[in-house]
Amino acid sequence: MSVTTEGRGPVRSPFAVRPRIDARAGAILVLCCALWGLQQVGIKLAAQEGIPPILQAALRSVGATVLLLGWAFARGQGRALFARDGSFRAGLGLAGMFSAEFLLLYPGLQLTTASRAVVILYSAPFWVAVGVHLLVPGERLALRQVIGLLAAFAGVLCAVADGLVTGGGRLSGDLLVAAAAAAWGLTTVAMKASPRLNHLSATKLLLYQLAGSIPVLFAFAWASGELHVGAATPAAWAWLGYQTVVVAFASYLTWFWLITRYPAGRLSAYTFLSPLFGILAGVAILGEHATPGLLLALVFVAVGIRLVNGRAPVPAAAPSPRQRQI
């Protein structure tokens, strides 16, 4: 797979994109979805236990950046992360989108329920599907895949509809989380569509986002008066540790590794499982009530994923370099 950048000649990606999600990738995706579903509960609990939401996001980025650099240098890949490859400006843009996602998500979670937030957040695959369809050759979605996305999202709505009718969410919180979903989806599209980014390793992609978000998140935490953790309990630090080590480091690195090897639109369809895991976490930890539609939702999600992961459509002709720019 090669891409052409204006003024740089052809750049060949070191990764081959596989046309379908195999069993190993599917199992990894299900585990990641379970971890991400629990994260929304962790953010709310850490805030309740004394760590303000935006400061949580900033501290999480610091910790995950340190872990990522340590991991890369231990594998002998650290110096390669800082090699000049023409991706710096695009990487800053990626960091900006990543920062925007969490500047919207963390405050939004304080204004709505965890169940409502996790459903809205995982509308992100719609942004991914539309974006890659328009901008990434070879990843256009056929009608079957579109129907699969709709079926999966319908399943999520079935699972939480009853609870959301009487839930304690606010429209302002819902809108913030919806904007975070758009930022997340567009971040994924940028990694696939930008010729400056789509040849980078998963480690460097994640480093751009984590390290680049640190000054932005701390600046907003300072501006909002959230630079204080004096009242934080051990439980708050434990949930922050979960967000940092398990989610922001391990699961994100895994996710970006998958993006370099599998079609982004089909990967994103699996993320519809995260709201279901989030509902279960809400029931077990926050005492929220599961809806009667949960089992029906599981059926819809399973059918949707099967449709999205069907036979790949025939790739369209590659566009010009200018069309590939994002």
C-alpha atoms as a PDB file:
ATOM      1  CA  MET A   1       0.000   0.000   0.000  1.00  0.00           C
ATOM      2  CA  SER A   2       1.610   3.251  -1.056  1.00  0.00           C
ATOM      3  CA  VAL A   3       0.594   6.866  -0.741  1.00  0.00           C
ATOM      4  CA  THR A   4       1.911   9.910  -2.546  1.00  0.00           C
ATOM      5  CA  THR A   5       2.568  13.174  -0.788  1.00  0.00           C
ATOM      6  CA  GLU A   6       3.080  16.449  -2.581  1.00  0.00           C
ATOM      7  CA  GLY A   7       6.783  17.246  -2.822  1.00  0.00           C
ATOM      8  CA  ARG A   8       7.955  14.052  -1.105  1.00  0.00           C
ATOM      9  CA  GLY A   9       7.383  11.325  -3.682  1.00  0.00           C
ATOM     10  CA  PRO A  10       5.860   7.936  -2.866  1.00  0.00           C
ATOM     11  CA  VAL A  11       5.875   6.736   0.733  1.00  0.00           C
ATOM     12  CA  ARG A  12       5.209   3.066   1.254  1.00  0.00           C
ATOM     13  CA  SER A  13       3.418   2.005   4.392  1.00  0.00           C
ATOM     14  CA  PRO A  14       5.249  -0.721   6.338  1.00  0.00           C
ATOM     15  CA  PHE A  15       1.893  -2.311   7.203  1.00  0.00           C
ATOM     16  CA  ALA A  16      -0.462  -4.338   5.009  1.00  0.00           C
ATOM     17  CA  VAL A  17      -4.135  -3.654   5.684  1.00  0.00           C
ATOM     18  CA  ARG A  18      -6.055  -6.914   5.929  1.00  0.00           C
ATOM     19  CA  PRO A  19      -9.497  -6.889   4.312  1.00  0.00           C
ATOM     20  CA  ARG A  20     -11.362  -8.567   7.204  1.00  0.00           C
ATOM     21  CA  ILE A  21     -11.285  -8.791  10.999  1.00  0.00           C
ATOM     22  CA  ASP A  22      -9.848 -12.192  11.921  1.00  0.00           C
ATOM     23  CA  ALA A  23     -10.551 -14.154  15.115  1.00  0.00           C
ATOM     24  CA  ARG A  24      -7.521 -12.821  16.985  1.00  0.00           C
ATOM     25  CA  ALA A  25      -8.320  -9.205  16.188  1.00  0.00           C
ATOM     26  CA  GLY A  26     -11.961  -9.778  17.115  1.00  0.00           C
ATOM     27  CA  ALA A  27     -11.045 -11.152  20.543  1.00  0.00           C
ATOM     28  CA  ILE A  28      -8.695  -8.228  21.192  1.00  0.00           C
ATOM     29  CA  LEU A  29     -11.402  -5.778  20.169  1.00  0.00           C
ATOM     30  CA  VAL A  30     -13.957  -7.309  22.539  1.00  0.00           C
ATOM     31  CA  LEU A  31     -11.484  -7.003  25.439  1.00  0.00           C
ATOM     32  CA  CYS A  32     -10.737  -3.380  24.540  1.00  0.00           C
ATOM     33  CA  CYS A  33     -14.455  -2.622  24.415  1.00  0.00           C
ATOM     34  CA  ALA A  34     -14.923  -4.040  27.910  1.00  0.00           C
ATOM     35  CA  LEU A  35     -12.098  -1.850  29.214  1.00  0.00           C
ATOM     36  CA  TRP A  36     -13.494   1.258  27.483  1.00  0.00           C
ATOM     37  CA  GLY A  37     -17.003   0.603  28.780  1.00  0.00           C
ATOM     38  CA  LEU A  38     -15.687   0.563  32.340  1.00  0.00           C
ATOM     39  CA  GLN A  39     -13.720   3.779  31.785  1.00  0.00           C
ATOM     40  CA  GLN A  40     -16.794   6.030  31.893  1.00  0.00           C
ATOM     41  CA  VAL A  41     -17.656   4.697  35.334  1.00  0.00           C
ATOM     42  CA  GLY A  42     -14.055   5.245  36.444  1.00  0.00           C
ATOM     43  CA  ILE A  43     -14.061   8.885  35.342  1.00  0.00           C
ATOM     44  CA  LYS A  44     -17.225   9.638  37.297  1.00  0.00           C
ATOM     45  CA  LEU A  45     -16.000   7.841  40.416  1.00  0.00           C
ATOM     46  CA  ALA A  46     -12.566   9.501  40.360  1.00  0.00           C
ATOM     47  CA  ALA A  47     -14.257  12.910  40.112  1.00  0.00           C
ATOM     48  CA  GLN A  48     -16.587  12.070  42.998  1.00  0.00           C
ATOM     49  CA  GLU A  49     -13.571  10.975  45.059  1.00  0.00           C
ATOM     50  CA  GLY A  50     -11.653  14.227  44.627  1.00  0.00           C
ATOM     51  CA  ILE A  51      -9.815  14.510  41.278  1.00  0.00           C
ATOM     52  CA  PRO A  52     -11.443  17.150  39.006  1.00  0.00           C
ATOM     53  CA  PRO A  53     -12.356  15.857  35.522  1.00  0.00           C
ATOM     54  CA  ILE A  54     -10.047  17.898  33.258  1.00  0.00           C
ATOM     55  CA  LEU A  55      -7.143  17.413  35.658  1.00  0.00           C
ATOM     56  CA  GLN A  56      -7.833  13.675  35.446  1.00  0.00           C
ATOM     57  CA  ALA A  57      -7.404  13.850  31.677  1.00  0.00           C
ATOM     58  CA  ALA A  58      -4.148  15.822  32.009  1.00  0.00           C
ATOM     59  CA  LEU A  59      -2.626  13.506  34.617  1.00  0.00           C
ATOM     60  CA  ARG A  60      -3.686  10.497  32.589  1.00  0.00           C
ATOM     61  CA  SER A  61      -1.849  11.826  29.529  1.00  0.00           C
ATOM     62  CA  VAL A  62       1.308  12.480  31.583  1.00  0.00           C
ATOM     63  CA  GLY A  63       1.351   8.995  33.078  1.00  0.00           C
ATOM     64  CA  ALA A  64       0.573   7.242  29.810  1.00  0.00           C
ATOM     65  CA  THR A  65       3.257   9.249  27.973  1.00  0.00           C
ATOM     66  CA  VAL A  66       5.901   8.180  30.507  1.00  0.00           C
ATOM     67  CA  LEU A  67       4.810   4.537  30.204  1.00  0.00           C
ATOM     68  CA  LEU A  68       4.798   4.685  26.418  1.00  0.00           C
ATOM     69  CA  LEU A  69       8.290   6.186  26.217  1.00  0.00           C
ATOM     70  CA  GLY A  70       9.637   3.651  28.703  1.00  0.00           C
ATOM     71  CA  TRP A  71       8.092   0.807  26.709  1.00  0.00           C
ATOM     72  CA  ALA A  72       9.476   2.128  23.414  1.00  0.00           C
ATOM     73  CA  PHE A  73      13.031   2.637  24.710  1.00  0.00           C
ATOM     74  CA  ALA A  74      12.981  -0.788  26.368  1.00  0.00           C
ATOM     75  CA  ARG A  75      12.214  -2.286  22.948  1.00  0.00           C
ATOM     76  CA  GLY A  76      14.963  -0.258  21.292  1.00  0.00           C
ATOM     77  CA  GLN A  77      12.439   1.889  19.392  1.00  0.00           C
ATOM     78  CA  GLY A  78      12.686   5.087  21.393  1.00  0.00           C
ATOM     79  CA  ARG A  79      15.048   7.012  19.114  1.00  0.00           C
ATOM     80  CA  ALA A  80      12.898   6.219  16.071  1.00  0.00           C
ATOM     81  CA  LEU A  81       9.993   8.079  17.666  1.00  0.00           C
ATOM     82  CA  PHE A  82      11.891  11.358  17.351  1.00  0.00           C
ATOM     83  CA  ALA A  83      13.173  10.824  13.809  1.00  0.00           C
ATOM     84  CA  ARG A  84      12.280  13.615  11.368  1.00  0.00           C
ATOM     85  CA  ASP A  85       9.724  12.189   8.937  1.00  0.00           C
ATOM     86  CA  GLY A  86       7.603  15.199   7.962  1.00  0.00           C
ATOM     87  CA  SER A  87       4.754  14.240  10.290  1.00  0.00           C
ATOM     88  CA  PHE A  88       5.186  16.882  13.020  1.00  0.00           C
ATOM     89  CA  ARG A  89       2.540  19.366  11.887  1.00  0.00           C
ATOM     90  CA  ALA A  90       0.015  16.632  11.170  1.00  0.00           C
ATOM     91  CA  GLY A  91       0.860  15.118  14.561  1.00  0.00           C
ATOM     92  CA  LEU A  92       0.096  18.421  16.284  1.00  0.00           C
ATOM     93  CA  GLY A  93      -3.278  18.468  14.547  1.00  0.00           C
ATOM     94  CA  LEU A  94      -3.907  14.938  15.744  1.00  0.00           C
ATOM     95  CA  ALA A  95      -3.025  15.988  19.301  1.00  0.00           C
ATOM     96  CA  GLY A  96      -5.465  18.871  19.031  1.00  0.00           C
ATOM     97  CA  MET A  97      -8.340  16.587  18.069  1.00  0.00           C
ATOM     98  CA  PHE A  98      -7.397  14.145  20.831  1.00  0.00           C
ATOM     99  CA  SER A  99      -7.336  16.976  23.379  1.00  0.00           C
ATOM    100  CA  ALA A 100     -10.714  18.245  22.189  1.00  0.00           C
ATOM    101  CA  GLU A 101     -12.262  14.824  22.727  1.00  0.00           C
ATOM    102  CA  PHE A 102     -11.342  14.723  26.399  1.00  0.00           C
ATOM    103  CA  LEU A 103     -11.965  18.410  27.065  1.00  0.00           C
ATOM    104  CA  LEU A 104     -15.523  17.666  25.985  1.00  0.00           C
ATOM    105  CA  LEU A 105     -15.951  14.162  27.402  1.00  0.00           C
ATOM    106  CA  TYR A 106     -14.737  14.590  30.986  1.00  0.00           C
ATOM    107  CA  PRO A 107     -16.914  17.630  31.851  1.00  0.00           C
ATOM    108  CA  GLY A 108     -19.810  16.120  29.921  1.00  0.00           C
ATOM    109  CA  LEU A 109     -19.714  13.005  32.084  1.00  0.00           C
ATOM    110  CA  GLN A 110     -20.288  15.146  35.160  1.00  0.00           C
ATOM    111  CA  LEU A 111     -23.518  16.494  33.643  1.00  0.00           C
ATOM    112  CA  THR A 112     -25.121  13.270  32.487  1.00  0.00           C
ATOM    113  CA  THR A 113     -25.353   9.626  33.513  1.00  0.00           C
ATOM    114  CA  ALA A 114     -22.644   7.102  32.670  1.00  0.00           C
ATOM    115  CA  SER A 115     -25.142   4.985  30.716  1.00  0.00           C
ATOM    116  CA  ARG A 116     -26.305   7.894  28.603  1.00  0.00           C
ATOM    117  CA  ALA A 117     -22.752   9.119  28.027  1.00  0.00           C
ATOM    118  CA  VAL A 118     -21.397   5.778  26.887  1.00  0.00           C
ATOM    119  CA  VAL A 119     -24.190   5.387  24.345  1.00  0.00           C
ATOM    120  CA  ILE A 120     -23.677   8.855  22.879  1.00  0.00           C
ATOM    121  CA  LEU A 121     -19.873   8.549  22.847  1.00  0.00           C
ATOM    122  CA  TYR A 122     -19.999   5.379  20.806  1.00  0.00           C
ATOM    123  CA  SER A 123     -21.797   7.081  17.980  1.00  0.00           C
ATOM    124  CA  ALA A 124     -18.200   7.803  16.878  1.00  0.00           C
ATOM    125  CA  PRO A 125     -18.203   4.900  14.356  1.00  0.00           C
ATOM    126  CA  PHE A 126     -20.662   6.844  12.215  1.00  0.00           C
ATOM    127  CA  TRP A 127     -18.095   9.631  11.862  1.00  0.00           C
ATOM    128  CA  VAL A 128     -15.401   7.052  11.096  1.00  0.00           C
ATOM    129  CA  ALA A 129     -17.518   5.204   8.532  1.00  0.00           C
ATOM    130  CA  VAL A 130     -18.457   8.369   6.664  1.00  0.00           C
ATOM    131  CA  GLY A 131     -14.933   9.779   6.853  1.00  0.00           C
ATOM    132  CA  VAL A 132     -13.105   6.719   5.555  1.00  0.00           C
ATOM    133  CA  HIS A 133     -15.747   6.201   2.890  1.00  0.00           C
ATOM    134  CA  LEU A 134     -15.021   9.678   1.533  1.00  0.00           C
ATOM    135  CA  LEU A 135     -11.275   9.928   2.140  1.00  0.00           C
ATOM    136  CA  VAL A 136      -9.632   6.480   2.313  1.00  0.00           C
ATOM    137  CA  PRO A 137      -9.386   4.456  -0.932  1.00  0.00           C
ATOM    138  CA  GLY A 138     -10.094   0.777  -0.438  1.00  0.00           C
ATOM    139  CA  GLU A 139     -12.181   1.294   2.711  1.00  0.00           C
ATOM    140  CA  ARG A 140     -15.455   2.364   1.168  1.00  0.00           C
ATOM    141  CA  LEU A 141     -18.489   0.788   2.797  1.00  0.00           C
ATOM    142  CA  ALA A 142     -21.016  -1.156   0.764  1.00  0.00           C
ATOM    143  CA  LEU A 143     -24.732  -1.107   1.535  1.00  0.00           C
ATOM    144  CA  ARG A 144     -24.348  -4.257   3.628  1.00  0.00           C
ATOM    145  CA  GLN A 145     -21.814  -2.559   5.911  1.00  0.00           C
ATOM    146  CA  VAL A 146     -24.004   0.539   6.267  1.00  0.00           C
ATOM    147  CA  ILE A 147     -26.955  -1.631   7.291  1.00  0.00           C
ATOM    148  CA  GLY A 148     -24.690  -3.379   9.795  1.00  0.00           C
ATOM    149  CA  LEU A 149     -23.709  -0.076  11.411  1.00  0.00           C
ATOM    150  CA  LEU A 150     -27.362   0.935  11.669  1.00  0.00           C
ATOM    151  CA  ALA A 151     -28.311  -2.436  13.175  1.00  0.00           C
ATOM    152  CA  ALA A 152     -25.548  -2.234  15.770  1.00  0.00           C
ATOM    153  CA  PHE A 153     -26.505   1.281  16.787  1.00  0.00           C
ATOM    154  CA  ALA A 154     -30.173   0.277  16.965  1.00  0.00           C
ATOM    155  CA  GLY A 155     -29.129  -2.458  19.382  1.00  0.00           C
ATOM    156  CA  VAL A 156     -27.396   0.065  21.619  1.00  0.00           C
ATOM    157  CA  LEU A 157     -30.503   2.246  21.632  1.00  0.00           C
ATOM    158  CA  CYS A 158     -32.679  -0.754  22.561  1.00  0.00           C
ATOM    159  CA  ALA A 159     -30.406  -1.579  25.473  1.00  0.00           C
ATOM    160  CA  VAL A 160     -30.614   1.806  27.144  1.00  0.00           C
ATOM    161  CA  ALA A 161     -33.828   3.404  25.916  1.00  0.00           C
ATOM    162  CA  ASP A 162     -35.908   2.647  29.014  1.00  0.00           C
ATOM    163  CA  GLY A 163     -33.220   3.783  31.415  1.00  0.00           C
ATOM    164  CA  LEU A 164     -32.427   6.969  29.549  1.00  0.00           C
ATOM    165  CA  VAL A 165     -36.056   8.120  29.594  1.00  0.00           C
ATOM    166  CA  THR A 166     -35.934   8.475  33.376  1.00  0.00           C
ATOM    167  CA  GLY A 167     -32.147   8.950  33.788  1.00  0.00           C
ATOM    168  CA  GLY A 168     -30.498  11.935  35.381  1.00  0.00           C
ATOM    169  CA  GLY A 169     -28.781  13.321  32.323  1.00  0.00           C
ATOM    170  CA  ARG A 170     -28.815  16.929  31.135  1.00  0.00           C
ATOM    171  CA  LEU A 171     -28.961  18.137  27.559  1.00  0.00           C
ATOM    172  CA  SER A 172     -25.744  20.144  28.036  1.00  0.00           C
ATOM    173  CA  GLY A 173     -23.872  17.027  29.121  1.00  0.00           C
ATOM    174  CA  ASP A 174     -25.305  15.009  26.249  1.00  0.00           C
ATOM    175  CA  LEU A 175     -24.194  17.640  23.728  1.00  0.00           C
ATOM    176  CA  LEU A 176     -20.661  17.745  25.149  1.00  0.00           C
ATOM    177  CA  VAL A 177     -20.352  13.965  24.904  1.00  0.00           C
ATOM    178  CA  ALA A 178     -21.779  14.020  21.353  1.00  0.00           C
ATOM    179  CA  ALA A 179     -19.105  16.539  20.351  1.00  0.00           C
ATOM    180  CA  ALA A 180     -16.466  14.296  21.983  1.00  0.00           C
ATOM    181  CA  ALA A 181     -17.715  11.395  19.860  1.00  0.00           C
ATOM    182  CA  ALA A 182     -17.270  13.470  16.713  1.00  0.00           C
ATOM    183  CA  ALA A 183     -13.732  14.433  17.756  1.00  0.00           C
ATOM    184  CA  TRP A 184     -12.852  10.794  18.424  1.00  0.00           C
ATOM    185  CA  GLY A 185     -14.226   9.646  15.078  1.00  0.00           C
ATOM    186  CA  LEU A 186     -12.436  12.368  13.133  1.00  0.00           C
ATOM    187  CA  THR A 187      -9.171  11.547  14.922  1.00  0.00           C
ATOM    188  CA  THR A 188      -9.397   7.981  13.610  1.00  0.00           C
ATOM    189  CA  VAL A 189     -10.194   9.234  10.108  1.00  0.00           C
ATOM    190  CA  ALA A 190      -7.190  11.586  10.194  1.00  0.00           C
ATOM    191  CA  MET A 191      -4.834   8.729  11.044  1.00  0.00           C
ATOM    192  CA  LYS A 192      -6.054   6.722   8.073  1.00  0.00           C
ATOM    193  CA  ALA A 193      -6.518   9.499   5.508  1.00  0.00           C
ATOM    194  CA  SER A 194      -3.493  11.727   6.074  1.00  0.00           C
ATOM    195  CA  PRO A 195      -0.435  10.696   4.032  1.00  0.00           C
ATOM    196  CA  ARG A 196       1.713  12.281   6.740  1.00  0.00           C
ATOM    197  CA  LEU A 197       0.282   9.964   9.393  1.00  0.00           C
ATOM    198  CA  ASN A 198      -0.873   6.702   7.841  1.00  0.00           C
ATOM    199  CA  HIS A 199       2.669   5.323   7.509  1.00  0.00           C
ATOM    200  CA  LEU A 200       3.574   5.931  11.171  1.00  0.00           C
ATOM    201  CA  SER A 201       3.813   3.240  13.801  1.00  0.00           C
ATOM    202  CA  ALA A 202       1.059   2.850  16.384  1.00  0.00           C
ATOM    203  CA  THR A 203       3.542   3.949  19.066  1.00  0.00           C
ATOM    204  CA  LYS A 204       4.325   7.253  17.377  1.00  0.00           C
ATOM    205  CA  LEU A 205       0.656   7.942  16.633  1.00  0.00           C
ATOM    206  CA  LEU A 206      -0.205   7.455  20.287  1.00  0.00           C
ATOM    207  CA  LEU A 207       2.778   9.527  21.447  1.00  0.00           C
ATOM    208  CA  TYR A 208       1.676  12.486  19.334  1.00  0.00           C
ATOM    209  CA  GLN A 209      -1.747  12.403  20.960  1.00  0.00           C
ATOM    210  CA  LEU A 210      -0.747  11.784  24.554  1.00  0.00           C
ATOM    211  CA  ALA A 211       2.274  14.100  24.730  1.00  0.00           C
ATOM    212  CA  GLY A 212       0.656  16.762  22.577  1.00  0.00           C
ATOM    213  CA  SER A 213      -2.450  16.852  24.768  1.00  0.00           C
ATOM    214  CA  ILE A 214      -0.539  17.491  28.032  1.00  0.00           C
ATOM    215  CA  PRO A 215      -0.028  21.282  27.738  1.00  0.00           C
ATOM    216  CA  VAL A 216      -3.542  21.771  26.347  1.00  0.00           C
ATOM    217  CA  LEU A 217      -5.246  19.820  29.119  1.00  0.00           C
ATOM    218  CA  PHE A 218      -3.198  21.421  31.906  1.00  0.00           C
ATOM    219  CA  ALA A 219      -3.916  24.872  30.486  1.00  0.00           C
ATOM    220  CA  PHE A 220      -7.655  24.209  30.562  1.00  0.00           C
ATOM    221  CA  ALA A 221      -7.423  22.674  34.038  1.00  0.00           C
ATOM    222  CA  TRP A 222      -5.663  25.812  35.271  1.00  0.00           C
ATOM    223  CA  ALA A 223      -8.158  28.115  33.529  1.00  0.00           C
ATOM    224  CA  SER A 224     -11.095  26.267  35.076  1.00  0.00           C
ATOM    225  CA  GLY A 225      -9.577  26.215  38.572  1.00  0.00           C
ATOM    226  CA  GLU A 226      -9.152  22.440  38.643  1.00  0.00           C
ATOM    227  CA  LEU A 227      -5.462  22.216  39.616  1.00  0.00           C
ATOM    228  CA  HIS A 228      -6.101  20.692  43.035  1.00  0.00           C
ATOM    229  CA  VAL A 229      -6.169  17.118  44.346  1.00  0.00           C
ATOM    230  CA  GLY A 230      -5.960  17.713  48.084  1.00  0.00           C
ATOM    231  CA  ALA A 231      -9.207  15.911  48.819  1.00  0.00           C
ATOM    232  CA  ALA A 232      -8.529  12.923  46.541  1.00  0.00           C
ATOM    233  CA  THR A 233      -9.051   9.507  48.140  1.00  0.00           C
ATOM    234  CA  PRO A 234      -7.102   6.291  47.433  1.00  0.00           C
ATOM    235  CA  ALA A 235     -10.071   5.127  45.355  1.00  0.00           C
ATOM    236  CA  ALA A 236      -9.738   8.221  43.162  1.00  0.00           C
ATOM    237  CA  TRP A 237      -6.065   7.488  42.502  1.00  0.00           C
ATOM    238  CA  ALA A 238      -6.877   3.836  41.786  1.00  0.00           C
ATOM    239  CA  TRP A 239      -9.433   4.816  39.133  1.00  0.00           C
ATOM    240  CA  LEU A 240      -6.989   7.323  37.665  1.00  0.00           C
ATOM    241  CA  GLY A 241      -4.388   4.554  37.532  1.00  0.00           C
ATOM    242  CA  TYR A 242      -6.849   2.367  35.638  1.00  0.00           C
ATOM    243  CA  GLN A 243      -7.484   5.136  33.120  1.00  0.00           C
ATOM    244  CA  THR A 244      -3.746   5.759  32.718  1.00  0.00           C
ATOM    245  CA  VAL A 245      -2.164   2.298  32.615  1.00  0.00           C
ATOM    246  CA  VAL A 246      -4.931   0.086  31.280  1.00  0.00           C
ATOM    247  CA  VAL A 247      -6.878   2.438  29.012  1.00  0.00           C
ATOM    248  CA  ALA A 248      -4.655   5.317  27.840  1.00  0.00           C
ATOM    249  CA  PHE A 249      -1.481   3.214  27.550  1.00  0.00           C
ATOM    250  CA  ALA A 250      -2.242  -0.457  26.929  1.00  0.00           C
ATOM    251  CA  SER A 251      -5.630  -0.358  25.199  1.00  0.00           C
ATOM    252  CA  TYR A 252      -4.929   2.735  23.083  1.00  0.00           C
ATOM    253  CA  LEU A 253      -1.617   1.335  21.889  1.00  0.00           C
ATOM    254  CA  THR A 254      -3.450  -1.841  20.948  1.00  0.00           C
ATOM    255  CA  TRP A 255      -6.194   0.126  19.161  1.00  0.00           C
ATOM    256  CA  PHE A 256      -3.749   2.139  17.057  1.00  0.00           C
ATOM    257  CA  TRP A 257      -1.838  -1.036  16.227  1.00  0.00           C
ATOM    258  CA  LEU A 258      -5.092  -2.529  14.941  1.00  0.00           C
ATOM    259  CA  ILE A 259      -5.841   0.618  12.902  1.00  0.00           C
ATOM    260  CA  THR A 260      -2.570   0.204  10.999  1.00  0.00           C
ATOM    261  CA  ARG A 261      -3.490  -3.355   9.998  1.00  0.00           C
ATOM    262  CA  TYR A 262      -7.276  -3.556   9.597  1.00  0.00           C
ATOM    263  CA  PRO A 263      -9.965  -1.404   7.923  1.00  0.00           C
ATOM    264  CA  ALA A 264     -10.923   1.454  10.256  1.00  0.00           C
ATOM    265  CA  GLY A 265     -14.621   1.346   9.406  1.00  0.00           C
ATOM    266  CA  ARG A 266     -14.925  -2.313  10.354  1.00  0.00           C
ATOM    267  CA  LEU A 267     -12.832  -1.929  13.493  1.00  0.00           C
ATOM    268  CA  SER A 268     -15.071   0.900  14.646  1.00  0.00           C
ATOM    269  CA  ALA A 269     -18.181  -1.258  14.302  1.00  0.00           C
ATOM    270  CA  TYR A 270     -16.952  -3.381  17.213  1.00  0.00           C
ATOM    271  CA  THR A 271     -16.931  -0.351  19.475  1.00  0.00           C
ATOM    272  CA  PHE A 272     -20.718  -0.638  19.628  1.00  0.00           C
ATOM    273  CA  LEU A 273     -20.032  -3.344  22.232  1.00  0.00           C
ATOM    274  CA  SER A 274     -18.550  -0.788  24.643  1.00  0.00           C
ATOM    275  CA  PRO A 275     -21.920   0.740  25.647  1.00  0.00           C
ATOM    276  CA  LEU A 276     -23.168  -2.709  26.555  1.00  0.00           C
ATOM    277  CA  PHE A 277     -20.152  -3.306  28.781  1.00  0.00           C
ATOM    278  CA  GLY A 278     -20.636   0.206  30.149  1.00  0.00           C
ATOM    279  CA  ILE A 279     -24.215  -0.609  31.118  1.00  0.00           C
ATOM    280  CA  LEU A 280     -23.093  -3.760  32.922  1.00  0.00           C
ATOM    281  CA  ALA A 281     -20.408  -1.771  34.752  1.00  0.00           C
ATOM    282  CA  GLY A 282     -22.987   0.842  35.719  1.00  0.00           C
ATOM    283  CA  VAL A 283     -25.240  -1.856  37.145  1.00  0.00           C
ATOM    284  CA  ALA A 284     -22.461  -3.582  39.073  1.00  0.00           C
ATOM    285  CA  ILE A 285     -20.601  -0.517  40.367  1.00  0.00           C
ATOM    286  CA  LEU A 286     -22.947   2.477  40.288  1.00  0.00           C
ATOM    287  CA  GLY A 287     -26.162   0.618  41.024  1.00  0.00           C
ATOM    288  CA  GLU A 288     -27.833   1.675  37.771  1.00  0.00           C
ATOM    289  CA  HIS A 289     -30.684  -0.418  36.391  1.00  0.00           C
ATOM    290  CA  ALA A 290     -30.268  -2.540  33.260  1.00  0.00           C
ATOM    291  CA  THR A 291     -33.028  -2.205  30.695  1.00  0.00           C
ATOM    292  CA  PRO A 292     -35.239  -5.095  29.497  1.00  0.00           C
ATOM    293  CA  GLY A 293     -33.920  -4.528  25.985  1.00  0.00           C
ATOM    294  CA  LEU A 294     -30.357  -5.568  26.828  1.00  0.00           C
ATOM    295  CA  LEU A 295     -30.592  -9.113  25.438  1.00  0.00           C
ATOM    296  CA  LEU A 296     -32.303  -7.854  22.280  1.00  0.00           C
ATOM    297  CA  ALA A 297     -29.537  -5.288  21.944  1.00  0.00           C
ATOM    298  CA  LEU A 298     -26.892  -8.000  22.097  1.00  0.00           C
ATOM    299  CA  VAL A 299     -28.575  -9.714  19.145  1.00  0.00           C
ATOM    300  CA  PHE A 300     -28.677  -6.485  17.136  1.00  0.00           C
ATOM    301  CA  VAL A 301     -25.037  -5.742  17.883  1.00  0.00           C
ATOM    302  CA  ALA A 302     -23.925  -9.263  16.952  1.00  0.00           C
ATOM    303  CA  VAL A 303     -25.831  -9.129  13.654  1.00  0.00           C
ATOM    304  CA  GLY A 304     -24.507  -5.640  12.917  1.00  0.00           C
ATOM    305  CA  ILE A 305     -20.896  -6.663  13.467  1.00  0.00           C
ATOM    306  CA  ARG A 306     -21.374  -9.718  11.249  1.00  0.00           C
ATOM    307  CA  LEU A 307     -22.735  -7.562   8.434  1.00  0.00           C
ATOM    308  CA  VAL A 308     -19.969  -4.976   8.719  1.00  0.00           C
ATOM    309  CA  ASN A 309     -17.293  -7.675   8.677  1.00  0.00           C
ATOM    310  CA  GLY A 310     -18.663  -9.348   5.549  1.00  0.00           C
ATOM    311  CA  ARG A 311     -16.973  -9.531   2.199  1.00  0.00           C
ATOM    312  CA  ALA A 312     -15.024  -6.380   1.397  1.00  0.00           C
ATOM    313  CA  PRO A 313     -16.247  -4.236  -1.503  1.00  0.00           C
ATOM    314  CA  VAL A 314     -14.059  -3.861  -4.559  1.00  0.00           C
ATOM    315  CA  PRO A 315     -11.732  -0.863  -3.970  1.00  0.00           C
ATOM    316  CA  ALA A 316     -12.378   2.194  -6.101  1.00  0.00           C
ATOM    317  CA  ALA A 317      -9.671   3.760  -8.209  1.00  0.00           C
ATOM    318  CA  ALA A 318      -7.124   5.700  -6.180  1.00  0.00           C
ATOM    319  CA  PRO A 319      -7.715   9.472  -6.149  1.00  0.00           C
ATOM    320  CA  SER A 320      -5.129  12.111  -6.880  1.00  0.00           C
ATOM    321  CA  PRO A 321      -2.660  13.196  -4.166  1.00  0.00           C
ATOM    322  CA  ARG A 322      -4.619  16.417  -3.600  1.00  0.00           C
ATOM    323  CA  GLN A 323      -7.804  14.423  -2.937  1.00  0.00           C
ATOM    324  CA  ARG A 324      -5.951  12.351  -0.359  1.00  0.00           C
ATOM    325  CA  GLN A 325      -4.885  15.389   1.680  1.00  0.00           C
ATOM    326  CA  ILE A 326      -6.813  16.068   4.890  1.00  0.00           C
END
